[in-house]
Amino acid sequence: MRDQMKLSELEQLVWTKIRQQWKTIKKAYRDLSNSEATGISAAQLRNQFSHWGLNMTDEQFHPIFNKFDLDNDGIINYIDFLQSVGKECFPREGLYFRQDVPKPNKSYTCKANRCFHRPVGATNYCNVHIKIFREKAIQIMLEWKNKIADWDKFMQTVREKSDKYDKNHIKKEDLFDIVA
């Protein structure tokens, strides 16, 4: 009974370590398996356990490995990992999201070159680049104001050609036609 108690304590410790180290089951699987095509071998799992300081005997390790390897082929593939670890450590991860439907492409970083900030609202750019673009537009408009003789007539034409639903927007083709 004492060995069984130690085994169950070890199992709980393994589940706790997995929950603490990874936020998602997909990330846990990728980190544990060096190549997703082959899966997680017993040696890879044992190596991770020893990295955590869990030095187990074969009698302790094999029952835990068998909890992961549901199809008993000696390799923990993603389905085995999802069904064993997923229901123990990440029970909500598979409940609310359909795994068979690809996620839409959403930009998680600014589209500006070498910028890794998060985009704002429906734009593809971060606050910094939106401000840069706004300043650049103001600079261009000031240059145009100095070059255009009849500014009031120019602005009237811009208002007439602007979007009928939002007078603050104009198509660039229309603006270039006015300037030319």
Protein backbone atom coordinates (compact mmCIF):
# COMPACT_ATOMS: atom_id res chain seq x y z
CA MET A 1 0.00 0.00 0.00
CA ARG A 2 2.89 2.32 0.78
CA ASP A 3 4.37 1.91 -2.75
CA GLN A 4 0.95 2.64 -4.28
CA MET A 5 0.66 5.77 -2.14
CA LYS A 6 4.06 6.92 -3.37
CA LEU A 7 3.03 6.20 -6.97
CA SER A 8 -0.15 8.26 -6.66
CA GLU A 9 1.81 11.07 -5.03
CA LEU A 10 4.29 10.94 -7.92
CA GLU A 11 1.43 11.06 -10.44
CA GLN A 12 -0.04 14.12 -8.74
CA LEU A 13 3.38 15.75 -8.69
CA VAL A 14 3.80 15.11 -12.44
CA TRP A 15 0.37 16.62 -13.21
CA THR A 16 1.19 19.64 -11.03
CA LYS A 17 4.56 20.16 -12.76
CA ILE A 18 2.95 20.02 -16.21
CA ARG A 19 0.24 22.49 -15.17
CA GLN A 20 2.82 24.88 -13.73
CA GLN A 21 5.30 24.74 -16.59
CA TRP A 22 2.99 25.09 -19.60
CA LYS A 23 -0.10 27.16 -20.35
CA THR A 24 -1.40 25.01 -23.19
CA ILE A 25 -1.32 21.34 -24.00
CA LYS A 26 0.03 22.03 -27.48
CA LYS A 27 3.04 23.90 -26.07
CA ALA A 28 3.66 21.13 -23.53
CA TYR A 29 3.63 18.48 -26.26
CA ARG A 30 5.95 20.48 -28.52
CA ASP A 31 8.45 21.03 -25.73
CA LEU A 32 8.43 17.42 -24.58
CA SER A 33 8.75 15.91 -28.05
CA ASN A 34 11.81 16.91 -30.01
CA SER A 35 9.97 16.19 -33.24
CA GLU A 36 6.19 16.15 -33.41
CA ALA A 37 6.21 13.49 -36.11
CA THR A 38 7.52 10.75 -33.82
CA GLY A 39 6.00 11.77 -30.49
CA ILE A 40 7.40 11.52 -26.96
CA SER A 41 9.54 8.49 -26.18
CA ALA A 42 9.97 6.96 -22.73
CA ALA A 43 13.54 8.31 -22.65
CA GLN A 44 12.37 11.87 -23.40
CA LEU A 45 9.72 11.73 -20.69
CA ARG A 46 12.14 10.23 -18.18
CA ASN A 47 14.65 12.97 -19.06
CA GLN A 48 12.01 15.64 -18.33
CA PHE A 49 11.14 13.98 -15.03
CA SER A 50 14.80 13.91 -13.98
CA HIS A 51 15.08 17.58 -15.04
CA TRP A 52 12.28 18.28 -12.55
CA GLY A 53 14.17 16.31 -9.91
CA LEU A 54 11.85 13.30 -10.09
CA ASN A 55 14.31 10.42 -10.22
CA MET A 56 12.06 7.35 -10.47
CA THR A 57 12.70 3.66 -10.48
CA ASP A 58 11.43 1.60 -13.42
CA GLU A 59 8.59 0.33 -11.21
CA GLN A 60 7.49 3.93 -10.58
CA PHE A 61 8.12 5.27 -14.09
CA HIS A 62 6.38 2.65 -16.26
CA PRO A 63 2.88 3.00 -14.70
CA ILE A 64 3.08 6.77 -15.14
CA PHE A 65 4.36 6.41 -18.72
CA ASN A 66 1.48 4.00 -19.44
CA LYS A 67 -0.99 6.65 -18.24
CA PHE A 68 0.36 8.88 -21.03
CA ASP A 69 0.68 6.15 -23.70
CA LEU A 70 -2.97 5.17 -24.11
CA ASP A 71 -2.51 3.02 -27.23
CA ASN A 72 0.47 1.17 -25.67
CA ASP A 73 2.75 1.56 -28.69
CA GLY A 74 5.72 2.84 -26.66
CA ILE A 75 5.42 6.40 -28.05
CA ILE A 76 3.16 9.14 -26.72
CA ASN A 77 1.60 10.74 -29.79
CA TYR A 78 -0.40 13.97 -29.65
CA ILE A 79 -3.76 12.17 -29.35
CA ASP A 80 -2.47 10.12 -26.38
CA PHE A 81 -1.08 13.27 -24.81
CA LEU A 82 -4.27 15.23 -25.41
CA GLN A 83 -6.49 12.52 -23.93
CA SER A 84 -4.31 11.79 -20.90
CA VAL A 85 -2.70 15.07 -19.93
CA GLY A 86 -5.42 17.23 -21.41
CA LYS A 87 -8.18 15.87 -19.26
CA GLU A 88 -5.97 15.97 -16.12
CA CYS A 89 -4.16 19.28 -16.54
CA PHE A 90 -6.01 21.34 -19.14
CA PRO A 91 -9.65 20.22 -18.95
CA ARG A 92 -11.09 23.45 -20.34
CA GLU A 93 -8.73 23.72 -23.32
CA GLY A 94 -10.62 21.31 -25.54
CA LEU A 95 -14.14 22.12 -24.38
CA TYR A 96 -14.78 25.53 -25.86
CA PHE A 97 -12.71 25.63 -29.03
CA ARG A 98 -13.30 23.54 -32.10
CA GLN A 99 -10.02 21.93 -33.00
CA ASP A 100 -11.08 21.05 -36.57
CA VAL A 101 -11.80 24.64 -37.63
CA PRO A 102 -8.71 26.71 -38.48
CA LYS A 103 -8.41 29.99 -36.64
CA PRO A 104 -8.66 33.13 -38.76
CA ASN A 105 -5.39 34.91 -39.44
CA LYS A 106 -5.18 37.68 -36.91
CA SER A 107 -2.20 39.90 -36.65
CA TYR A 108 -0.65 39.67 -33.20
CA THR A 109 2.22 42.02 -33.97
CA CYS A 110 2.46 45.36 -35.70
CA LYS A 111 2.84 45.13 -39.49
CA ALA A 112 5.65 47.69 -39.48
CA ASN A 113 9.07 46.26 -40.21
CA ARG A 114 10.80 44.89 -37.05
CA CYS A 115 8.04 46.05 -34.70
CA PHE A 116 6.67 43.50 -32.27
CA HIS A 117 4.07 45.58 -30.42
CA ARG A 118 0.42 44.52 -30.44
CA PRO A 119 -1.82 46.21 -33.03
CA VAL A 120 -4.59 48.52 -31.88
CA GLY A 121 -8.26 47.91 -32.61
CA ALA A 122 -9.06 46.90 -36.19
CA THR A 123 -5.75 48.26 -37.51
CA ASN A 124 -2.64 46.23 -38.20
CA TYR A 125 -0.36 48.77 -36.53
CA CYS A 126 0.60 49.62 -32.96
CA ASN A 127 0.01 53.00 -31.27
CA VAL A 128 3.55 54.16 -32.04
CA HIS A 129 3.23 53.56 -35.79
CA ILE A 130 -0.28 55.02 -35.94
CA LYS A 131 1.13 58.19 -34.36
CA ILE A 132 4.06 58.19 -36.82
CA PHE A 133 1.68 57.83 -39.79
CA ARG A 134 -0.60 60.59 -38.44
CA GLU A 135 2.38 62.95 -37.99
CA LYS A 136 3.62 62.14 -41.51
CA ALA A 137 0.14 62.89 -42.95
CA ILE A 138 0.04 66.23 -41.10
CA GLN A 139 3.51 67.07 -42.42
CA ILE A 140 2.43 66.27 -46.01
CA MET A 141 -0.73 68.36 -45.64
CA LEU A 142 1.30 71.33 -44.32
CA GLU A 143 3.66 71.05 -47.30
CA TRP A 144 0.66 70.97 -49.65
CA LYS A 145 -0.88 73.97 -47.91
CA ASN A 146 2.27 75.99 -48.63
CA LYS A 147 2.31 74.90 -52.30
CA ILE A 148 -1.42 75.23 -53.11
CA ALA A 149 -2.43 78.82 -53.93
CA ASP A 150 -6.17 78.57 -53.15
CA TRP A 151 -6.29 76.36 -50.04
CA ASP A 152 -9.99 76.98 -49.29
CA LYS A 153 -11.04 75.82 -52.78
CA PHE A 154 -8.78 72.77 -52.46
CA MET A 155 -10.36 71.81 -49.11
CA GLN A 156 -13.87 72.31 -50.53
CA THR A 157 -13.03 69.90 -53.39
CA VAL A 158 -11.63 67.38 -50.89
CA ARG A 159 -14.85 67.55 -48.85
CA GLU A 160 -16.95 67.01 -51.97
CA LYS A 161 -14.92 63.95 -53.02
CA SER A 162 -14.75 62.45 -49.51
CA ASP A 163 -16.71 59.39 -48.43
CA LYS A 164 -20.43 60.16 -48.28
CA TYR A 165 -20.81 58.27 -44.95
CA ASP A 166 -17.67 59.59 -43.27
CA LYS A 167 -16.47 63.00 -44.39
CA ASN A 168 -13.11 62.39 -42.66
CA HIS A 169 -12.13 59.72 -45.21
CA ILE A 170 -11.20 60.06 -48.85
CA LYS A 171 -9.89 57.49 -51.29
CA LYS A 172 -6.25 58.10 -52.13
CA GLU A 173 -7.02 57.94 -55.86
CA ASP A 174 -9.55 60.78 -55.46
CA LEU A 175 -7.07 62.81 -53.42
CA PHE A 176 -4.33 62.34 -56.01
CA ASP A 177 -6.75 63.39 -58.76
CA ILE A 178 -7.47 66.62 -56.86
CA VAL A 179 -3.78 67.34 -56.23
CA ALA A 180 -2.77 66.62 -59.84
